[in-house]
Amino acid sequence: MLLTLKARRQATFLFHFLFFTLSLSAQDNWVLKKDKDGIKISSRTSAYSKFNDIKVEMDLTGTVGQLAAILLDVEKYPEWAYATKSCTVIKKISNSEVIYYSEFDVPWPVSNRDLYADFKITIDSVSKSLKVSSVSVKDYEPEKKNLVRIPMSKGVWNVTTVSDKLIHLEYILVVNPGGSVPAWILNMFAAKGPMETFENLKQKMLLLNKP
């Protein structure tokens, strides 16, 4: 029986995502760039982009369920995710998967970026672990005037439970922001955005678990 176009697209997406995830696990050339308040940010030369890959590691007060709720509330990303100007759910596929659109503020004279992403969360209730994938879908909709479409962005979260009130997070981002921005300029400031984002996330989790 011939596969439908939708099924072929889903199979292709799954293959590329699994290949990407396995490749990430196989590489281990991280260089620590910043270590502040329990947040460690590392980078490495990317096998997929001229821009460095980023890894964030940290412990968070709370549970995987609380973190999942924050991450699924994508329309509130501008409140805590660095340089996120807007974020809107375009399509709800299930309670744990959405397609969203986001625009990012970039300092002048560089143009703002935008992307469509397939965002999916999987919770393992037995091990109390959480896996999250956010993969850009470049051609989901036509490009918008005065914005540069991010051609490739892949983020993977692996979250494990340390205790009843503590979880450990590892986040890896591979991205090509598109346009003509020199890679060395963005790589110089690669720690700033992740540090501010995860400092804000840490505070949100602390507020949820405030006595």
Protein backbone atom coordinates (compact mmCIF):
# COMPACT_ATOMS: atom_id res chain seq x y z
CA MET A 1 0.00 0.00 0.00
CA LEU A 2 1.38 3.38 -0.96
CA LEU A 3 2.01 5.84 1.85
CA THR A 4 0.01 9.07 1.83
CA LEU A 5 1.88 12.35 1.42
CA LYS A 6 1.23 13.15 5.09
CA ALA A 7 2.58 9.77 6.19
CA ARG A 8 5.71 10.21 4.04
CA ARG A 9 6.33 13.64 5.55
CA GLN A 10 5.90 12.27 9.07
CA ALA A 11 8.28 9.38 8.31
CA THR A 12 10.87 11.74 6.84
CA PHE A 13 10.59 14.09 9.84
CA LEU A 14 10.97 11.16 12.27
CA PHE A 15 14.04 9.83 10.43
CA HIS A 16 15.80 13.20 10.40
CA PHE A 17 14.92 13.92 14.03
CA LEU A 18 16.18 10.53 15.23
CA PHE A 19 19.37 10.89 13.15
CA PHE A 20 19.91 14.37 14.57
CA THR A 21 19.31 13.21 18.16
CA LEU A 22 21.66 10.24 17.85
CA SER A 23 24.31 12.45 16.24
CA LEU A 24 24.06 14.91 19.12
CA SER A 25 24.65 12.09 21.59
CA ALA A 26 27.68 10.88 19.66
CA GLN A 27 29.49 14.23 19.75
CA ASP A 28 31.25 15.36 22.92
CA ASN A 29 33.54 18.28 22.17
CA TRP A 30 31.91 20.82 24.44
CA VAL A 31 33.87 23.81 25.79
CA LEU A 32 32.50 25.48 28.91
CA LYS A 33 31.85 29.18 28.21
CA LYS A 34 30.01 30.34 31.32
CA ASP A 35 29.17 28.96 34.75
CA LYS A 36 26.94 31.21 36.85
CA ASP A 37 24.43 30.48 39.62
CA GLY A 38 24.40 26.78 38.80
CA ILE A 39 23.82 27.35 35.06
CA LYS A 40 26.54 25.94 32.83
CA ILE A 41 26.70 27.01 29.18
CA SER A 42 28.99 25.25 26.73
CA SER A 43 29.55 25.46 22.98
CA ARG A 44 31.18 23.43 20.25
CA THR A 45 31.82 23.61 16.53
CA SER A 46 28.65 22.43 14.81
CA ALA A 47 28.44 19.59 12.33
CA TYR A 48 25.24 21.11 10.91
CA SER A 49 25.80 24.88 10.90
CA LYS A 50 28.57 27.48 10.71
CA PHE A 51 27.24 28.73 14.05
CA ASN A 52 28.31 26.99 17.24
CA ASP A 53 26.02 24.50 18.97
CA ILE A 54 24.94 25.48 22.48
CA LYS A 55 24.41 23.28 25.55
CA VAL A 56 22.85 24.36 28.85
CA GLU A 57 22.95 22.27 32.02
CA MET A 58 21.33 23.13 35.34
CA ASP A 59 19.24 21.93 38.25
CA LEU A 60 15.76 23.39 38.73
CA THR A 61 13.51 23.46 41.76
CA GLY A 62 10.23 21.67 40.95
CA THR A 63 8.93 18.77 38.90
CA VAL A 64 8.96 17.69 35.26
CA GLY A 65 5.20 18.31 35.16
CA GLN A 66 5.65 21.94 36.20
CA LEU A 67 8.36 22.47 33.61
CA ALA A 68 6.25 20.81 30.91
CA ALA A 69 3.37 23.18 31.67
CA ILE A 70 5.65 26.21 31.28
CA LEU A 71 7.11 24.95 28.00
CA LEU A 72 3.72 24.13 26.51
CA ASP A 73 2.46 27.65 27.26
CA VAL A 74 4.34 28.95 24.22
CA GLU A 75 2.42 32.22 23.96
CA LYS A 76 4.10 33.34 27.21
CA TYR A 77 7.62 32.77 25.87
CA PRO A 78 8.16 36.54 25.37
CA GLU A 79 7.94 36.89 29.17
CA TRP A 80 11.07 34.82 29.78
CA ALA A 81 12.78 33.62 26.57
CA TYR A 82 15.55 35.99 25.45
CA ALA A 83 14.81 38.21 22.42
CA THR A 84 11.43 36.54 21.77
CA LYS A 85 9.15 39.29 20.46
CA SER A 86 6.07 37.12 19.90
CA CYS A 87 5.04 33.48 19.94
CA THR A 88 1.73 32.12 18.70
CA VAL A 89 0.25 28.63 18.43
CA ILE A 90 -0.61 28.00 14.79
CA LYS A 91 -1.88 24.44 15.10
CA LYS A 92 -2.57 22.17 18.08
CA ILE A 93 -1.76 18.62 17.04
CA SER A 94 -2.35 17.11 20.49
CA ASN A 95 -2.10 18.04 24.17
CA SER A 96 1.64 17.53 23.91
CA GLU A 97 2.45 18.78 20.40
CA VAL A 98 1.92 22.09 18.61
CA ILE A 99 3.13 24.06 15.63
CA TYR A 100 4.02 27.59 16.68
CA TYR A 101 5.25 30.77 15.01
CA SER A 102 7.75 33.06 16.69
CA GLU A 103 9.50 36.34 15.87
CA PHE A 104 12.82 37.30 17.45
CA ASP A 105 14.24 40.77 18.07
CA VAL A 106 17.73 41.21 16.65
CA PRO A 107 19.81 44.39 17.24
CA TRP A 108 20.00 46.90 14.39
CA PRO A 109 21.14 46.81 11.62
CA VAL A 110 20.34 43.08 11.41
CA SER A 111 16.76 42.14 10.47
CA ASN A 112 14.47 40.35 12.92
CA ARG A 113 14.21 36.58 12.52
CA ASP A 114 11.17 34.33 12.55
CA LEU A 115 10.38 30.64 12.41
CA TYR A 116 7.67 28.00 12.47
CA ALA A 117 8.49 25.09 14.74
CA ASP A 118 7.10 21.66 15.52
CA PHE A 119 7.20 21.44 19.32
CA LYS A 120 6.63 18.13 21.10
CA ILE A 121 6.82 17.00 24.73
CA THR A 122 7.01 13.43 26.02
CA ILE A 123 6.73 12.65 29.74
CA ASP A 124 7.72 9.27 31.15
CA SER A 125 5.62 8.91 34.30
CA VAL A 126 7.59 5.86 35.48
CA SER A 127 11.07 7.41 35.39
CA LYS A 128 9.65 10.92 35.91
CA SER A 129 11.65 12.19 32.96
CA LEU A 130 10.83 14.66 30.21
CA LYS A 131 11.97 14.89 26.60
CA VAL A 132 11.23 17.90 24.42
CA SER A 133 11.98 18.54 20.76
CA SER A 134 11.57 21.80 18.90
CA VAL A 135 12.35 21.56 15.19
CA SER A 136 11.92 24.39 12.72
CA VAL A 137 9.64 23.91 9.70
CA LYS A 138 11.14 26.40 7.25
CA ASP A 139 8.46 26.33 4.55
CA TYR A 140 5.38 25.90 6.73
CA GLU A 141 4.18 29.32 5.49
CA PRO A 142 5.65 31.83 2.98
CA GLU A 143 8.34 34.16 4.30
CA LYS A 144 7.19 37.54 5.64
CA LYS A 145 8.34 40.93 4.40
CA ASN A 146 11.24 42.51 6.33
CA LEU A 147 11.87 39.31 8.31
CA VAL A 148 14.55 36.66 7.77
CA ARG A 149 13.24 33.11 8.07
CA ILE A 150 15.49 30.95 10.25
CA PRO A 151 16.39 28.09 7.87
CA MET A 152 17.31 25.58 10.56
CA SER A 153 16.78 25.32 14.30
CA LYS A 154 16.73 22.14 16.37
CA GLY A 155 16.44 22.11 20.14
CA VAL A 156 16.40 19.04 22.38
CA TRP A 157 15.60 19.02 26.11
CA ASN A 158 16.38 16.05 28.36
CA VAL A 159 15.06 16.45 31.89
CA THR A 160 15.42 13.93 34.72
CA THR A 161 14.11 13.87 38.28
CA VAL A 162 16.75 14.15 41.01
CA SER A 163 14.35 14.23 43.98
CA ASP A 164 10.75 15.14 44.79
CA LYS A 165 11.61 18.84 44.54
CA LEU A 166 14.54 18.91 42.13
CA ILE A 167 15.06 18.15 38.43
CA HIS A 168 18.12 18.24 36.19
CA LEU A 169 17.94 19.81 32.74
CA GLU A 170 20.13 19.46 29.67
CA TYR A 171 19.30 21.53 26.61
CA ILE A 172 21.09 21.42 23.25
CA LEU A 173 20.46 23.91 20.44
CA VAL A 174 21.71 23.72 16.86
CA VAL A 175 20.75 26.74 14.79
CA ASN A 176 21.45 28.61 11.58
CA PRO A 177 19.85 32.07 11.96
CA GLY A 178 20.02 32.77 8.24
CA GLY A 179 20.89 36.00 6.47
CA SER A 180 24.34 37.54 6.28
CA VAL A 181 25.30 37.80 9.96
CA PRO A 182 28.95 36.68 10.37
CA ALA A 183 29.11 33.49 12.42
CA TRP A 184 31.96 34.75 14.61
CA ILE A 185 29.87 37.71 15.81
CA LEU A 186 26.96 35.56 16.97
CA ASN A 187 29.27 32.94 18.43
CA MET A 188 30.95 35.60 20.58
CA PHE A 189 27.63 36.39 22.26
CA ALA A 190 26.18 32.88 22.25
CA ALA A 191 26.19 32.62 26.07
CA LYS A 192 24.18 35.82 26.70
CA GLY A 193 20.82 34.68 25.34
CA PRO A 194 20.82 31.22 26.94
CA MET A 195 22.00 32.62 30.29
CA GLU A 196 19.20 35.19 30.47
CA THR A 197 16.61 32.67 29.27
CA PHE A 198 17.50 30.01 31.81
CA GLU A 199 17.91 32.51 34.64
CA ASN A 200 14.32 33.58 33.93
CA LEU A 201 13.16 29.96 33.73
CA LYS A 202 14.85 29.24 37.05
CA GLN A 203 12.97 32.12 38.67
CA LYS A 204 9.64 30.95 37.24
CA MET A 205 10.18 27.49 38.72
CA LEU A 206 11.20 28.97 42.08
CA LEU A 207 8.01 31.05 42.20
CA LEU A 208 5.90 27.96 41.54
CA ASN A 209 7.54 26.21 44.46
CA LYS A 210 7.70 29.12 46.88
CA PRO A 211 6.69 27.99 50.41
